[in-house]
C-alpha atoms as a PDB file:
ATOM      1  CA  UNK A   1     -20.371 -37.265 -19.705  1.00  0.00           C
ATOM      2  CA  UNK A   2     -19.555 -33.542 -19.901  1.00  0.00           C
ATOM      3  CA  UNK A   3     -21.245 -31.304 -22.455  1.00  0.00           C
ATOM      4  CA  UNK A   4     -17.922 -30.821 -24.268  1.00  0.00           C
ATOM      5  CA  UNK A   5     -17.311 -34.573 -24.514  1.00  0.00           C
ATOM      6  CA  UNK A   6     -20.908 -35.205 -25.595  1.00  0.00           C
ATOM      7  CA  UNK A   7     -20.752 -32.556 -28.310  1.00  0.00           C
ATOM      8  CA  UNK A   8     -17.403 -33.857 -29.547  1.00  0.00           C
ATOM      9  CA  UNK A   9     -18.932 -37.329 -29.835  1.00  0.00           C
ATOM     10  CA  UNK A  10     -21.888 -35.874 -31.758  1.00  0.00           C
ATOM     11  CA  UNK A  11     -19.530 -34.139 -34.171  1.00  0.00           C
ATOM     12  CA  UNK A  12     -17.518 -37.280 -34.831  1.00  0.00           C
ATOM     13  CA  UNK A  13     -20.683 -39.334 -35.340  1.00  0.00           C
ATOM     14  CA  UNK A  14     -22.136 -36.721 -37.715  1.00  0.00           C
ATOM     15  CA  UNK A  15     -18.924 -36.647 -39.734  1.00  0.00           C
ATOM     16  CA  UNK A  16     -19.055 -40.437 -39.910  1.00  0.00           C
ATOM     17  CA  UNK A  17     -22.488 -40.276 -41.556  1.00  0.00           C
ATOM     18  CA  UNK A  18     -24.809 -40.759 -38.582  1.00  0.00           C
ATOM     19  CA  UNK A  19     -27.915 -38.785 -39.602  1.00  0.00           C
ATOM     20  CA  UNK A  20     -29.478 -38.936 -36.147  1.00  0.00           C
ATOM     21  CA  UNK A  21     -26.333 -37.418 -34.635  1.00  0.00           C
ATOM     22  CA  UNK A  22     -26.320 -34.768 -37.356  1.00  0.00           C
ATOM     23  CA  UNK A  23     -29.930 -33.836 -36.552  1.00  0.00           C
ATOM     24  CA  UNK A  24     -29.134 -33.569 -32.850  1.00  0.00           C
ATOM     25  CA  UNK A  25     -26.092 -31.441 -33.633  1.00  0.00           C
ATOM     26  CA  UNK A  26     -28.189 -29.105 -35.787  1.00  0.00           C
ATOM     27  CA  UNK A  27     -30.747 -28.805 -32.983  1.00  0.00           C
ATOM     28  CA  UNK A  28     -27.928 -27.827 -30.624  1.00  0.00           C
ATOM     29  CA  UNK A  29     -26.612 -25.234 -33.062  1.00  0.00           C
ATOM     30  CA  UNK A  30     -30.053 -23.813 -33.824  1.00  0.00           C
ATOM     31  CA  UNK A  31     -30.578 -23.168 -30.112  1.00  0.00           C
ATOM     32  CA  UNK A  32     -27.476 -20.969 -30.040  1.00  0.00           C
ATOM     33  CA  UNK A  33     -25.262 -20.299 -27.051  1.00  0.00           C
ATOM     34  CA  UNK A  34     -21.711 -21.157 -26.086  1.00  0.00           C
ATOM     35  CA  UNK A  35     -22.016 -24.881 -26.857  1.00  0.00           C
ATOM     36  CA  UNK A  36     -23.343 -24.080 -30.335  1.00  0.00           C
ATOM     37  CA  UNK A  37     -20.486 -21.659 -30.988  1.00  0.00           C
ATOM     38  CA  UNK A  38     -17.942 -24.261 -29.890  1.00  0.00           C
ATOM     39  CA  UNK A  39     -19.454 -26.910 -32.159  1.00  0.00           C
ATOM     40  CA  UNK A  40     -19.433 -24.582 -35.164  1.00  0.00           C
ATOM     41  CA  UNK A  41     -15.829 -23.634 -34.466  1.00  0.00           C
ATOM     42  CA  UNK A  42     -14.786 -27.310 -34.351  1.00  0.00           C
ATOM     43  CA  UNK A  43     -16.392 -27.922 -37.747  1.00  0.00           C
ATOM     44  CA  UNK A  44     -15.344 -24.675 -39.414  1.00  0.00           C
ATOM     45  CA  UNK A  45     -12.080 -26.040 -40.832  1.00  0.00           C
ATOM     46  CA  UNK A  46     -13.789 -29.014 -42.458  1.00  0.00           C
ATOM     47  CA  UNK A  47     -16.541 -26.795 -43.876  1.00  0.00           C
ATOM     48  CA  UNK A  48     -14.155 -24.984 -46.208  1.00  0.00           C
ATOM     49  CA  UNK A  49     -14.210 -27.902 -48.645  1.00  0.00           C
ATOM     50  CA  UNK A  50     -17.910 -27.505 -49.443  1.00  0.00           C
ATOM     51  CA  UNK A  51     -19.649 -25.145 -51.856  1.00  0.00           C
ATOM     52  CA  UNK A  52     -22.234 -23.116 -49.929  1.00  0.00           C
ATOM     53  CA  UNK A  53     -24.836 -21.622 -52.269  1.00  0.00           C
ATOM     54  CA  UNK A  54     -27.328 -19.036 -51.051  1.00  0.00           C
ATOM     55  CA  UNK A  55     -30.635 -18.889 -52.926  1.00  0.00           C
ATOM     56  CA  UNK A  56     -32.785 -15.828 -52.407  1.00  0.00           C
ATOM     57  CA  UNK A  57     -35.326 -13.819 -54.342  1.00  0.00           C
ATOM     58  CA  UNK A  58     -38.810 -12.433 -54.338  1.00  0.00           C
ATOM     59  CA  UNK A  59     -41.631 -14.477 -52.763  1.00  0.00           C
ATOM     60  CA  UNK A  60     -43.456 -16.582 -55.334  1.00  0.00           C
ATOM     61  CA  UNK A  61     -40.479 -16.865 -57.653  1.00  0.00           C
ATOM     62  CA  UNK A  62     -40.384 -20.638 -57.159  1.00  0.00           C
ATOM     63  CA  UNK A  63     -37.258 -20.854 -55.010  1.00  0.00           C
ATOM     64  CA  UNK A  64     -38.224 -24.081 -53.234  1.00  0.00           C
ATOM     65  CA  UNK A  65     -39.124 -25.848 -56.474  1.00  0.00           C
ATOM     66  CA  UNK A  66     -35.860 -24.643 -57.986  1.00  0.00           C
ATOM     67  CA  UNK A  67     -33.863 -25.831 -54.962  1.00  0.00           C
ATOM     68  CA  UNK A  68     -35.446 -29.293 -55.215  1.00  0.00           C
ATOM     69  CA  UNK A  69     -34.678 -29.458 -58.951  1.00  0.00           C
ATOM     70  CA  UNK A  70     -31.147 -28.213 -58.347  1.00  0.00           C
ATOM     71  CA  UNK A  71     -30.558 -30.794 -55.628  1.00  0.00           C
ATOM     72  CA  UNK A  72     -31.788 -33.516 -57.993  1.00  0.00           C
ATOM     73  CA  UNK A  73     -29.435 -32.356 -60.748  1.00  0.00           C
ATOM     74  CA  UNK A  74     -26.498 -32.279 -58.357  1.00  0.00           C
ATOM     75  CA  UNK A  75     -27.311 -35.822 -57.232  1.00  0.00           C
ATOM     76  CA  UNK A  76     -27.258 -36.989 -60.859  1.00  0.00           C
ATOM     77  CA  UNK A  77     -23.754 -35.532 -60.952  1.00  0.00           C
ATOM     78  CA  UNK A  78     -22.917 -37.703 -57.897  1.00  0.00           C
ATOM     79  CA  UNK A  79     -22.611 -34.722 -55.537  1.00  0.00           C
ATOM     80  CA  UNK A  80     -23.891 -34.977 -51.973  1.00  0.00           C
ATOM     81  CA  UNK A  81     -26.311 -32.158 -51.126  1.00  0.00           C
ATOM     82  CA  UNK A  82     -27.635 -30.575 -47.938  1.00  0.00           C
ATOM     83  CA  UNK A  83     -30.431 -28.008 -47.887  1.00  0.00           C
ATOM     84  CA  UNK A  84     -31.090 -25.404 -45.199  1.00  0.00           C
ATOM     85  CA  UNK A  85     -34.604 -24.133 -45.908  1.00  0.00           C
ATOM     86  CA  UNK A  86     -35.679 -21.108 -43.875  1.00  0.00           C
ATOM     87  CA  UNK A  87     -39.461 -20.851 -43.517  1.00  0.00           C
ATOM     88  CA  UNK A  88     -41.389 -17.794 -42.320  1.00  0.00           C
ATOM     89  CA  UNK A  89     -42.593 -17.802 -38.728  1.00  0.00           C
ATOM     90  CA  UNK A  90     -45.819 -16.509 -37.327  1.00  0.00           C
ATOM     91  CA  UNK A  91     -45.078 -13.191 -35.577  1.00  0.00           C
ATOM     92  CA  UNK A  92     -47.442 -14.247 -32.781  1.00  0.00           C
ATOM     93  CA  UNK A  93     -46.729 -17.929 -32.157  1.00  0.00           C
ATOM     94  CA  UNK A  94     -43.223 -18.210 -33.610  1.00  0.00           C
ATOM     95  CA  UNK A  95     -44.369 -21.339 -35.419  1.00  0.00           C
ATOM     96  CA  UNK A  96     -43.717 -22.095 -39.072  1.00  0.00           C
ATOM     97  CA  UNK A  97     -45.228 -24.406 -41.647  1.00  0.00           C
ATOM     98  CA  UNK A  98     -41.807 -25.709 -42.642  1.00  0.00           C
ATOM     99  CA  UNK A  99     -43.382 -26.382 -46.008  1.00  0.00           C
ATOM    100  CA  UNK A 100     -40.067 -26.824 -47.794  1.00  0.00           C
ATOM    101  CA  UNK A 101     -39.931 -30.381 -46.484  1.00  0.00           C
ATOM    102  CA  UNK A 102     -43.274 -30.988 -48.168  1.00  0.00           C
ATOM    103  CA  UNK A 103     -42.115 -29.468 -51.466  1.00  0.00           C
ATOM    104  CA  UNK A 104     -38.872 -31.469 -51.359  1.00  0.00           C
ATOM    105  CA  UNK A 105     -40.561 -34.788 -50.601  1.00  0.00           C
ATOM    106  CA  UNK A 106     -39.297 -36.159 -53.924  1.00  0.00           C
ATOM    107  CA  UNK A 107     -35.791 -36.203 -52.450  1.00  0.00           C
ATOM    108  CA  UNK A 108     -36.815 -38.391 -49.505  1.00  0.00           C
ATOM    109  CA  UNK A 109     -35.028 -41.706 -49.301  1.00  0.00           C
ATOM    110  CA  UNK A 110     -31.868 -40.456 -51.012  1.00  0.00           C
ATOM    111  CA  UNK A 111     -28.963 -40.924 -48.607  1.00  0.00           C
ATOM    112  CA  UNK A 112     -27.028 -38.272 -50.531  1.00  0.00           C
ATOM    113  CA  UNK A 113     -29.531 -35.534 -49.637  1.00  0.00           C
ATOM    114  CA  UNK A 114     -30.253 -33.988 -46.240  1.00  0.00           C
ATOM    115  CA  UNK A 115     -32.944 -31.314 -45.757  1.00  0.00           C
ATOM    116  CA  UNK A 116     -33.180 -29.165 -42.645  1.00  0.00           C
ATOM    117  CA  UNK A 117     -36.020 -26.662 -42.283  1.00  0.00           C
ATOM    118  CA  UNK A 118     -35.630 -23.778 -39.876  1.00  0.00           C
ATOM    119  CA  UNK A 119     -38.144 -21.178 -38.740  1.00  0.00           C
ATOM    120  CA  UNK A 120     -37.019 -17.597 -39.321  1.00  0.00           C
ATOM    121  CA  UNK A 121     -38.448 -16.453 -35.958  1.00  0.00           C
ATOM    122  CA  UNK A 122     -38.361 -12.884 -37.162  1.00  0.00           C
ATOM    123  CA  UNK A 123     -34.616 -12.910 -37.829  1.00  0.00           C
ATOM    124  CA  UNK A 124     -33.427 -10.058 -39.996  1.00  0.00           C
ATOM    125  CA  UNK A 125     -31.835 -10.550 -43.382  1.00  0.00           C
ATOM    126  CA  UNK A 126     -34.357 -13.220 -44.416  1.00  0.00           C
ATOM    127  CA  UNK A 127     -32.315 -15.845 -42.565  1.00  0.00           C
ATOM    128  CA  UNK A 128     -32.916 -17.707 -39.356  1.00  0.00           C
ATOM    129  CA  UNK A 129     -30.335 -16.478 -36.871  1.00  0.00           C
ATOM    130  CA  UNK A 130     -28.461 -19.783 -36.921  1.00  0.00           C
ATOM    131  CA  UNK A 131     -28.908 -20.682 -40.596  1.00  0.00           C
ATOM    132  CA  UNK A 132     -25.313 -19.768 -41.378  1.00  0.00           C
ATOM    133  CA  UNK A 133     -24.127 -21.897 -38.477  1.00  0.00           C
ATOM    134  CA  UNK A 134     -26.282 -24.789 -39.700  1.00  0.00           C
ATOM    135  CA  UNK A 135     -24.716 -24.465 -43.149  1.00  0.00           C
ATOM    136  CA  UNK A 136     -21.266 -24.659 -41.567  1.00  0.00           C
ATOM    137  CA  UNK A 137     -22.261 -27.806 -39.664  1.00  0.00           C
ATOM    138  CA  UNK A 138     -23.607 -29.491 -42.808  1.00  0.00           C
ATOM    139  CA  UNK A 139     -20.544 -28.526 -44.800  1.00  0.00           C
ATOM    140  CA  UNK A 140     -18.309 -29.746 -41.987  1.00  0.00           C
ATOM    141  CA  UNK A 141     -20.241 -33.019 -41.877  1.00  0.00           C
ATOM    142  CA  UNK A 142     -19.024 -33.737 -45.401  1.00  0.00           C
ATOM    143  CA  UNK A 143     -21.756 -32.561 -47.777  1.00  0.00           C
ATOM    144  CA  UNK A 144     -20.205 -31.304 -50.991  1.00  0.00           C
ATOM    145  CA  UNK A 145     -22.882 -28.693 -51.749  1.00  0.00           C
ATOM    146  CA  UNK A 146     -24.990 -26.852 -49.163  1.00  0.00           C
ATOM    147  CA  UNK A 147     -27.991 -24.914 -50.480  1.00  0.00           C
ATOM    148  CA  UNK A 148     -29.320 -22.179 -48.169  1.00  0.00           C
ATOM    149  CA  UNK A 149     -32.799 -21.047 -49.216  1.00  0.00           C
ATOM    150  CA  UNK A 150     -34.192 -17.874 -47.677  1.00  0.00           C
ATOM    151  CA  UNK A 151     -37.738 -16.766 -46.943  1.00  0.00           C
ATOM    152  CA  UNK A 152     -37.629 -14.095 -49.635  1.00  0.00           C
ATOM    153  CA  UNK A 153     -35.599 -11.038 -50.487  1.00  0.00           C
ATOM    154  CA  UNK A 154     -36.190  -7.332 -50.310  1.00  0.00           C
ATOM    155  CA  UNK A 155     -33.943  -4.314 -50.193  1.00  0.00           C
ATOM    156  CA  UNK A 156     -32.872  -4.932 -46.617  1.00  0.00           C
ATOM    157  CA  UNK A 157     -32.925  -8.747 -46.656  1.00  0.00           C
ATOM    158  CA  UNK A 158     -29.454  -9.360 -48.033  1.00  0.00           C
ATOM    159  CA  UNK A 159     -27.801 -11.403 -45.295  1.00  0.00           C
ATOM    160  CA  UNK A 160     -27.645 -14.528 -47.466  1.00  0.00           C
ATOM    161  CA  UNK A 161     -24.649 -13.084 -49.323  1.00  0.00           C
ATOM    162  CA  UNK A 162     -22.661 -13.118 -46.113  1.00  0.00           C
ATOM    163  CA  UNK A 163     -23.429 -16.791 -45.499  1.00  0.00           C
ATOM    164  CA  UNK A 164     -22.670 -18.161 -48.964  1.00  0.00           C
ATOM    165  CA  UNK A 165     -19.766 -18.494 -51.369  1.00  0.00           C
ATOM    166  CA  UNK A 166     -22.137 -18.122 -54.307  1.00  0.00           C
ATOM    167  CA  UNK A 167     -25.383 -16.165 -54.142  1.00  0.00           C
ATOM    168  CA  UNK A 168     -28.233 -16.903 -56.550  1.00  0.00           C
ATOM    169  CA  UNK A 169     -31.007 -14.319 -56.902  1.00  0.00           C
ATOM    170  CA  UNK A 170     -34.223 -15.823 -58.301  1.00  0.00           C
ATOM    171  CA  UNK A 171     -36.876 -13.748 -60.048  1.00  0.00           C
ATOM    172  CA  UNK A 172     -39.960 -14.623 -62.082  1.00  0.00           C
ATOM    173  CA  UNK A 173     -42.162 -12.795 -64.594  1.00  0.00           C
ATOM    174  CA  UNK A 174     -45.094 -10.818 -63.232  1.00  0.00           C
ATOM    175  CA  UNK A 175     -45.703  -9.259 -59.857  1.00  0.00           C
ATOM    176  CA  UNK A 176     -43.554  -6.239 -60.625  1.00  0.00           C
ATOM    177  CA  UNK A 177     -40.320  -8.239 -60.612  1.00  0.00           C
ATOM    178  CA  UNK A 178     -38.928  -6.060 -63.397  1.00  0.00           C
ATOM    179  CA  UNK A 179     -38.909  -3.219 -60.885  1.00  0.00           C
ATOM    180  CA  UNK A 180     -38.025  -5.375 -57.878  1.00  0.00           C
ATOM    181  CA  UNK A 181     -34.993  -6.762 -59.702  1.00  0.00           C
ATOM    182  CA  UNK A 182     -33.576  -3.286 -60.169  1.00  0.00           C
ATOM    183  CA  UNK A 183     -33.808  -2.299 -56.510  1.00  0.00           C
ATOM    184  CA  UNK A 184     -30.509  -1.482 -54.863  1.00  0.00           C
ATOM    185  CA  UNK A 185     -28.976  -4.477 -53.165  1.00  0.00           C
ATOM    186  CA  UNK A 186     -30.440  -7.422 -55.072  1.00  0.00           C
ATOM    187  CA  UNK A 187     -28.177  -7.096 -58.073  1.00  0.00           C
ATOM    188  CA  UNK A 188     -25.338  -6.108 -55.781  1.00  0.00           C
ATOM    189  CA  UNK A 189     -25.296  -9.482 -54.051  1.00  0.00           C
ATOM    190  CA  UNK A 190     -26.067 -11.678 -57.080  1.00  0.00           C
ATOM    191  CA  UNK A 191     -23.334 -13.952 -58.377  1.00  0.00           C
ATOM    192  CA  UNK A 192     -25.869 -15.747 -60.584  1.00  0.00           C
ATOM    193  CA  UNK A 193     -29.251 -14.383 -61.705  1.00  0.00           C
ATOM    194  CA  UNK A 194     -32.122 -16.769 -62.432  1.00  0.00           C
ATOM    195  CA  UNK A 195     -35.347 -16.020 -64.266  1.00  0.00           C
ATOM    196  CA  UNK A 196     -37.573 -18.895 -63.169  1.00  0.00           C
ATOM    197  CA  UNK A 197     -40.969 -19.690 -64.727  1.00  0.00           C
ATOM    198  CA  UNK A 198     -39.347 -18.641 -67.998  1.00  0.00           C
ATOM    199  CA  UNK A 199     -42.219 -20.200 -69.957  1.00  0.00           C
ATOM    200  CA  UNK A 200     -44.566 -17.425 -68.774  1.00  0.00           C
ATOM    201  CA  UNK A 201     -45.245 -14.183 -70.647  1.00  0.00           C
ATOM    202  CA  UNK A 202     -42.848 -11.411 -69.693  1.00  0.00           C
ATOM    203  CA  UNK A 203     -39.805 -13.642 -69.157  1.00  0.00           C
ATOM    204  CA  UNK A 204     -37.805 -12.063 -71.975  1.00  0.00           C
ATOM    205  CA  UNK A 205     -38.719  -8.587 -70.731  1.00  0.00           C
ATOM    206  CA  UNK A 206     -37.460  -9.543 -67.277  1.00  0.00           C
ATOM    207  CA  UNK A 207     -34.204 -10.856 -68.741  1.00  0.00           C
ATOM    208  CA  UNK A 208     -33.759  -7.553 -70.558  1.00  0.00           C
ATOM    209  CA  UNK A 209     -34.441  -5.609 -67.335  1.00  0.00           C
ATOM    210  CA  UNK A 210     -31.855  -7.692 -65.488  1.00  0.00           C
ATOM    211  CA  UNK A 211     -29.287  -7.148 -68.217  1.00  0.00           C
ATOM    212  CA  UNK A 212     -29.902  -3.415 -68.034  1.00  0.00           C
ATOM    213  CA  UNK A 213     -29.706  -3.363 -64.263  1.00  0.00           C
ATOM    214  CA  UNK A 214     -26.614  -5.557 -64.250  1.00  0.00           C
ATOM    215  CA  UNK A 215     -24.931  -3.023 -66.475  1.00  0.00           C
ATOM    216  CA  UNK A 216     -25.722   0.063 -64.382  1.00  0.00           C
ATOM    217  CA  UNK A 217     -25.736  -1.320 -60.832  1.00  0.00           C
ATOM    218  CA  UNK A 218     -22.671  -0.512 -58.753  1.00  0.00           C
ATOM    219  CA  UNK A 219     -21.524  -3.948 -57.609  1.00  0.00           C
ATOM    220  CA  UNK A 220     -18.627  -5.032 -55.416  1.00  0.00           C
ATOM    221  CA  UNK A 221     -17.794  -7.752 -57.973  1.00  0.00           C
ATOM    222  CA  UNK A 222     -14.390  -7.497 -59.620  1.00  0.00           C
ATOM    223  CA  UNK A 223     -14.449  -6.604 -63.298  1.00  0.00           C
ATOM    224  CA  UNK A 224     -13.651 -10.168 -64.388  1.00  0.00           C
ATOM    225  CA  UNK A 225     -16.969 -11.627 -63.142  1.00  0.00           C
ATOM    226  CA  UNK A 226     -20.324 -10.656 -64.629  1.00  0.00           C
ATOM    227  CA  UNK A 227     -23.280 -12.458 -63.048  1.00  0.00           C
ATOM    228  CA  UNK A 228     -24.802 -14.695 -65.741  1.00  0.00           C
ATOM    229  CA  UNK A 229     -28.557 -14.760 -66.311  1.00  0.00           C
ATOM    230  CA  UNK A 230     -30.031 -18.278 -66.452  1.00  0.00           C
ATOM    231  CA  UNK A 231     -33.607 -18.987 -67.584  1.00  0.00           C
ATOM    232  CA  UNK A 232     -35.269 -21.945 -65.853  1.00  0.00           C
ATOM    233  CA  UNK A 233     -38.613 -23.710 -65.601  1.00  0.00           C
ATOM    234  CA  UNK A 234     -38.014 -25.538 -62.336  1.00  0.00           C
ATOM    235  CA  UNK A 235     -41.222 -27.559 -62.486  1.00  0.00           C
ATOM    236  CA  UNK A 236     -40.045 -29.165 -65.732  1.00  0.00           C
ATOM    237  CA  UNK A 237     -36.330 -29.173 -64.950  1.00  0.00           C
ATOM    238  CA  UNK A 238     -35.584 -26.847 -67.861  1.00  0.00           C
ATOM    239  CA  UNK A 239     -32.414 -24.791 -67.485  1.00  0.00           C
ATOM    240  CA  UNK A 240     -31.361 -26.503 -64.247  1.00  0.00           C
ATOM    241  CA  UNK A 241     -28.278 -28.097 -65.812  1.00  0.00           C
ATOM    242  CA  UNK A 242     -27.285 -24.639 -67.077  1.00  0.00           C
ATOM    243  CA  UNK A 243     -27.671 -23.318 -63.520  1.00  0.00           C
ATOM    244  CA  UNK A 244     -25.427 -26.094 -62.183  1.00  0.00           C
ATOM    245  CA  UNK A 245     -22.824 -25.152 -64.801  1.00  0.00           C
ATOM    246  CA  UNK A 246     -23.048 -21.467 -63.807  1.00  0.00           C
ATOM    247  CA  UNK A 247     -22.513 -22.365 -60.145  1.00  0.00           C
ATOM    248  CA  UNK A 248     -19.480 -24.468 -61.058  1.00  0.00           C
ATOM    249  CA  UNK A 249     -18.023 -21.638 -63.131  1.00  0.00           C
ATOM    250  CA  UNK A 250     -18.407 -19.215 -60.249  1.00  0.00           C
ATOM    251  CA  UNK A 251     -16.813 -21.624 -57.814  1.00  0.00           C
ATOM    252  CA  UNK A 252     -13.884 -22.217 -60.162  1.00  0.00           C
ATOM    253  CA  UNK A 253     -13.508 -18.461 -60.597  1.00  0.00           C
ATOM    254  CA  UNK A 254     -13.418 -17.930 -56.835  1.00  0.00           C
ATOM    255  CA  UNK A 255     -10.913 -20.726 -56.302  1.00  0.00           C
ATOM    256  CA  UNK A 256      -8.663 -19.287 -58.990  1.00  0.00           C
ATOM    257  CA  UNK A 257      -8.330 -16.133 -56.892  1.00  0.00           C
ATOM    258  CA  UNK A 258     -11.026 -14.091 -58.596  1.00  0.00           C
ATOM    259  CA  UNK A 259     -13.282 -13.597 -55.583  1.00  0.00           C
ATOM    260  CA  UNK A 260     -11.946 -10.148 -54.841  1.00  0.00           C
ATOM    261  CA  UNK A 261     -10.449  -9.407 -51.436  1.00  0.00           C
ATOM    262  CA  UNK A 262     -12.532  -6.250 -51.103  1.00  0.00           C
ATOM    263  CA  UNK A 263     -15.862  -8.018 -51.565  1.00  0.00           C
ATOM    264  CA  UNK A 264     -14.895 -10.866 -49.242  1.00  0.00           C
ATOM    265  CA  UNK A 265     -13.899  -8.355 -46.586  1.00  0.00           C
ATOM    266  CA  UNK A 266     -17.150  -6.397 -46.955  1.00  0.00           C
ATOM    267  CA  UNK A 267     -19.285  -9.538 -46.638  1.00  0.00           C
ATOM    268  CA  UNK A 268     -17.309 -10.767 -43.616  1.00  0.00           C
ATOM    269  CA  UNK A 269     -17.717  -7.387 -41.903  1.00  0.00           C
ATOM    270  CA  UNK A 270     -21.472  -7.405 -42.552  1.00  0.00           C
ATOM    271  CA  UNK A 271     -21.860 -10.916 -41.188  1.00  0.00           C
ATOM    272  CA  UNK A 272     -19.862 -10.241 -38.017  1.00  0.00           C
ATOM    273  CA  UNK A 273     -21.688  -6.990 -37.285  1.00  0.00           C
ATOM    274  CA  UNK A 274     -25.114  -8.526 -37.985  1.00  0.00           C
ATOM    275  CA  UNK A 275     -24.474 -11.424 -35.613  1.00  0.00           C
ATOM    276  CA  UNK A 276     -22.920  -9.160 -32.974  1.00  0.00           C
ATOM    277  CA  UNK A 277     -25.936  -6.822 -33.099  1.00  0.00           C
ATOM    278  CA  UNK A 278     -28.371  -9.721 -32.758  1.00  0.00           C
ATOM    279  CA  UNK A 279     -26.486 -11.126 -29.781  1.00  0.00           C
ATOM    280  CA  UNK A 280     -26.168  -7.730 -28.089  1.00  0.00           C
ATOM    281  CA  UNK A 281     -29.918  -7.207 -28.431  1.00  0.00           C
ATOM    282  CA  UNK A 282     -30.665 -10.686 -27.064  1.00  0.00           C
ATOM    283  CA  UNK A 283     -28.439 -10.075 -24.037  1.00  0.00           C
ATOM    284  CA  UNK A 284     -29.960  -6.656 -23.369  1.00  0.00           C
ATOM    285  CA  UNK A 285     -33.464  -8.114 -23.615  1.00  0.00           C
ATOM    286  CA  UNK A 286     -32.631 -10.983 -21.258  1.00  0.00           C
ATOM    287  CA  UNK A 287     -31.204  -8.591 -18.667  1.00  0.00           C
ATOM    288  CA  UNK A 288     -34.187  -6.262 -18.962  1.00  0.00           C
ATOM    289  CA  UNK A 289     -36.561  -9.183 -18.428  1.00  0.00           C
ATOM    290  CA  UNK A 290     -34.623 -10.350 -15.385  1.00  0.00           C
ATOM    291  CA  UNK A 291     -34.568  -6.877 -13.858  1.00  0.00           C
ATOM    292  CA  UNK A 292     -38.266  -6.285 -14.473  1.00  0.00           C
ATOM    293  CA  UNK A 293     -37.652  -3.328 -16.808  1.00  0.00           C
ATOM    294  CA  UNK A 294     -38.966  -5.129 -19.914  1.00  0.00           C
ATOM    295  CA  UNK A 295     -42.699  -5.190 -19.020  1.00  0.00           C
ATOM    296  CA  UNK A 296     -42.432  -1.563 -17.869  1.00  0.00           C
ATOM    297  CA  UNK A 297     -41.048  -0.515 -21.257  1.00  0.00           C
ATOM    298  CA  UNK A 298     -43.731  -2.454 -23.122  1.00  0.00           C
ATOM    299  CA  UNK A 299     -46.526  -0.903 -21.050  1.00  0.00           C
ATOM    300  CA  UNK A 300     -45.031   2.563 -21.504  1.00  0.00           C
ATOM    301  CA  UNK A 301     -45.153   2.184 -25.283  1.00  0.00           C
ATOM    302  CA  UNK A 302     -48.690   0.762 -25.227  1.00  0.00           C
ATOM    303  CA  UNK A 303     -49.947   3.621 -23.032  1.00  0.00           C
ATOM    304  CA  UNK A 304     -48.261   6.258 -25.153  1.00  0.00           C
ATOM    305  CA  UNK A 305     -45.943   7.471 -22.405  1.00  0.00           C
ATOM    306  CA  UNK A 306     -42.860   6.393 -24.329  1.00  0.00           C
ATOM    307  CA  UNK A 307     -42.085   6.116 -28.014  1.00  0.00           C
ATOM    308  CA  UNK A 308     -40.709   2.846 -29.384  1.00  0.00           C
ATOM    309  CA  UNK A 309     -37.316   4.448 -30.274  1.00  0.00           C
ATOM    310  CA  UNK A 310     -37.016   5.826 -26.740  1.00  0.00           C
ATOM    311  CA  UNK A 311     -37.914   2.418 -25.304  1.00  0.00           C
ATOM    312  CA  UNK A 312     -35.287   0.762 -27.514  1.00  0.00           C
ATOM    313  CA  UNK A 313     -32.654   3.187 -26.208  1.00  0.00           C
ATOM    314  CA  UNK A 314     -33.720   2.467 -22.642  1.00  0.00           C
ATOM    315  CA  UNK A 315     -33.518  -1.260 -23.333  1.00  0.00           C
ATOM    316  CA  UNK A 316     -29.946  -0.995 -24.576  1.00  0.00           C
ATOM    317  CA  UNK A 317     -29.026   1.352 -21.711  1.00  0.00           C
ATOM    318  CA  UNK A 318     -30.368  -1.236 -19.269  1.00  0.00           C
ATOM    319  CA  UNK A 319     -28.105  -3.829 -20.860  1.00  0.00           C
ATOM    320  CA  UNK A 320     -25.156  -1.501 -20.557  1.00  0.00           C
ATOM    321  CA  UNK A 321     -25.883  -0.818 -16.899  1.00  0.00           C
ATOM    322  CA  UNK A 322     -26.033  -4.566 -16.234  1.00  0.00           C
ATOM    323  CA  UNK A 323     -22.621  -4.985 -17.898  1.00  0.00           C
ATOM    324  CA  UNK A 324     -21.143  -2.427 -15.512  1.00  0.00           C
END
C-alpha cells in the first residue's frame, strides 16, 4: 500500500470515529513533512465547520484546569470536544511531562472528548510547531469544538491567535498579572479575557486593570466587538457557563461577518510567515549538518571565534548555497 493510499485510509477511518486511526494520523502530522502537509490539506475543508478556540495566558493562571472545566461544560451542552495541550519541553532532552493529560483525567472515558498532548520542543509562539495542524486534523475529524492550550504567553508568544477563530487570554490575581495584562500584544490578540481564580484577593483590581487596558490598547478588532471580561474559579466551575456563552457570542459575531477582513488578513500573514520561517530554518540546519558546516559553526561560537548572530547568518547562507 502506498503512503498516499495509507494516509487516505487513515483519514477516512478517523472521520468515521476510529480513535486509533485518529491518534496515528496526529502522530503523522506532528512529525511534519510532505505527507503531513497532504493530510492536513485533505482535512482542511471539513475543519471549517468546527470552532477552534485558542487558550493562552500567563503561567500559573490555571489554564489547564480551566480547559478541563470548559470541556466538561461543553459536553453538558452535547458538544464534542478535542483538546490540543502543548506542554513545555526540556531544552536539553526535548522531553515533556505532558501533564495536561494528568490534569484532564476527569474527562477520561467520555467518547465525546479527545485529548492530545504535544511537546513544544522549543517552538516559538508558545505553540508546538504542528499544533495548528493537529487542530485542523481534529476539526476535520468531526469535533465541534477544538481547544488549543498553549504553554504560556508573553509579549512575543502570540502565535495562538493565528491558529484559532477565538482567542481566550487567561490571567489570575497576583504575580504581577496587572502589569503583564497590559503588555503590548496580549490584549491585542484577546477576543475574550478571563480572570481565573477570581475568589482570590486582587481579582477585582485585575478586572479593573484589564478594563483600562482594553480601553487604551490599539487592537485590530473592529469597533463592533469589545472583548468581554469573564471571572471564573475553574476549580469550582464558577463562571465557566458564562465563558461558554462568551465564546458562542464571539463565534456568532464572526459568522455574521463581523470578524473584520483586516484582522483576518493580518493573522493569516503572521501564520504563513511564521511557518515559512520555521521550515526555512529547519532546511538550512539539515543542509548544514549534512555538509559538515553545523559542528564547525557550533565550535566557532563556543571558542569565541564567531558570534551567534554571525553563525546564524552563515547557517542561512549555507542553506542558500545548497539551494543553488
